[in-house]
Protein backbone atom coordinates (compact mmCIF):
# COMPACT_ATOMS: atom_id res chain seq x y z
CA MET A 1 63.72 220.49 54.20
CA THR A 2 63.22 224.26 54.01
CA TYR A 3 63.54 226.72 56.87
CA GLU A 4 59.78 227.24 56.92
CA GLU A 5 59.20 223.47 57.11
CA ILE A 6 61.59 223.20 60.04
CA VAL A 7 59.84 225.96 62.01
CA ARG A 8 56.46 224.40 61.22
CA ALA A 9 57.68 220.96 62.36
CA VAL A 10 58.95 222.35 65.68
CA ARG A 11 55.66 224.13 66.24
CA GLU A 12 53.76 220.89 65.52
CA ILE A 13 55.87 219.03 68.07
CA PHE A 14 55.57 221.56 70.90
CA LEU A 15 52.59 223.87 70.58
CA PRO A 16 49.76 221.34 71.10
CA HIS A 17 51.15 220.47 74.54
CA ASP A 18 50.26 222.00 77.86
CA VAL A 19 53.13 223.95 79.44
CA SER A 20 50.90 226.03 81.73
CA GLN A 21 52.56 224.57 84.83
CA MET A 22 56.00 225.83 83.69
CA LYS A 23 56.02 229.38 84.96
CA ASP A 24 59.71 230.25 84.60
CA HIS A 25 61.07 232.18 81.65
CA LEU A 26 63.18 230.51 78.97
CA ALA A 27 64.31 232.19 75.74
CA ILE A 28 66.25 230.10 73.24
CA GLN A 29 67.49 231.08 69.84
CA VAL A 30 67.87 228.06 67.56
CA ASN A 31 70.35 228.32 64.69
CA ILE A 32 69.81 225.67 62.06
CA VAL A 33 72.97 225.00 60.05
CA GLY A 34 73.21 223.30 56.67
CA GLU A 35 70.02 222.50 54.75
CA GLY A 36 67.19 224.84 55.78
CA GLU A 37 69.63 227.23 57.44
CA GLY A 38 68.11 229.99 59.54
CA ALA A 39 67.32 231.17 63.05
CA PHE A 40 64.15 231.05 65.09
CA TYR A 41 63.28 231.28 68.75
CA ILE A 42 61.46 229.22 71.36
CA GLU A 43 60.23 231.16 74.35
CA LEU A 44 58.50 229.85 77.46
CA LYS A 45 56.90 232.72 79.34
CA ASP A 46 54.14 232.68 81.97
CA GLY A 47 53.10 229.14 81.09
CA GLU A 48 52.88 229.81 77.34
CA LEU A 49 55.15 228.58 74.60
CA HIS A 50 55.98 230.74 71.57
CA ILE A 51 57.91 229.62 68.51
CA GLU A 52 58.61 232.35 65.97
CA PRO A 53 60.83 232.61 62.88
CA TYR A 54 62.98 235.46 64.16
CA GLU A 55 66.31 235.90 65.92
CA TYR A 56 65.90 236.58 69.62
CA TYR A 57 68.41 239.04 71.05
CA ASP A 58 67.30 238.91 74.72
CA ARG A 59 67.96 235.17 74.93
CA ASP A 60 69.24 232.82 77.60
CA LEU A 61 71.10 230.63 75.16
CA ILE A 62 71.72 229.71 71.54
CA LEU A 63 71.42 226.16 70.23
CA SER A 64 73.00 225.26 66.92
CA ALA A 65 72.41 222.01 65.04
CA THR A 66 71.40 220.60 61.69
CA ALA A 67 67.66 220.44 61.09
CA GLU A 68 67.76 216.64 61.22
CA ASN A 69 69.48 216.53 64.59
CA PHE A 70 67.40 219.32 66.11
CA LEU A 71 64.14 217.66 65.09
CA LYS A 72 65.38 214.36 66.51
CA ILE A 73 66.08 216.15 69.80
CA CYS A 74 62.66 217.79 69.76
CA ASN A 75 60.76 214.54 69.15
CA GLY A 76 62.84 212.67 71.74
CA THR A 77 64.69 210.24 69.44
CA LEU A 78 68.06 211.91 70.13
CA ASP A 79 68.98 212.80 73.68
CA ALA A 80 70.04 216.45 73.91
CA ILE A 81 72.85 215.72 76.35
CA LEU A 82 74.24 212.97 74.07
CA ALA A 83 73.91 215.32 71.08
CA TYR A 84 75.85 217.99 72.99
CA THR A 85 78.63 215.65 74.11
CA THR A 86 79.03 214.22 70.58
CA GLY A 87 79.10 217.66 68.93
CA LYS A 88 75.75 217.32 67.16
CA LEU A 89 74.37 220.19 69.25
CA LYS A 90 76.30 223.33 70.16
CA ILE A 91 75.17 225.43 73.13
CA GLU A 92 76.17 229.00 73.88
CA GLY A 93 74.90 230.41 77.16
CA ASP A 94 73.33 229.06 80.33
CA LEU A 95 73.52 225.24 80.37
CA GLN A 96 70.99 225.04 83.19
CA LYS A 97 68.48 226.79 80.90
CA ALA A 98 69.31 224.25 78.19
CA LEU A 99 68.30 221.53 80.61
CA ARG A 100 64.87 223.22 80.94
CA LEU A 101 64.31 222.56 77.22
CA GLN A 102 65.11 218.91 77.95
CA ASP A 103 62.36 219.01 80.61
CA ILE A 104 59.87 220.35 78.05
CA ILE A 105 60.85 217.62 75.58
CA LYS A 106 60.37 214.94 78.24
CA SER A 107 56.97 216.40 79.11
CA VAL A 108 55.93 216.36 75.47
CA LYS A 109 57.14 212.78 75.03
CA LYS A 110 55.27 211.68 78.16
CA GLU A 111 52.11 213.39 76.94
CA ASN A 112 52.45 211.74 73.53
CA LYS A 113 52.67 208.29 75.16
CA ALA A 114 49.58 208.99 77.26
CA GLN A 115 47.69 210.09 74.10
CA LYS A 116 48.69 206.90 72.26
CA LYS A 117 47.45 204.74 75.16
CA LYS A 118 44.08 206.52 75.10
CA THR A 119 43.62 205.94 71.38
CA LYS A 120 44.28 202.18 71.63
């Protein structure tokens, strides 16, 4: 998987979902290691989510993982806390802010389940 494909996949997971109720600010730099190596950022600001293929210097934290593990975390098949405790995810910075990303992932997962029920 290339760097561009990874950023596109993360956008496809998060951007269609409503985060308008999340008014706090969260700025995360994601460092992908191994295949598709590169850095991008995820920013939640004023109820809007931005995912851009750039480093983010005014960040709350840095997450580092392989593309495979990060995408599993994003789509909810790998718990972020478990990934952190087993060394599959490294976190530098504010751990409370990292838990906010977990909240966004749970919200996306919940919304996906609701969408699936509607289409059945």
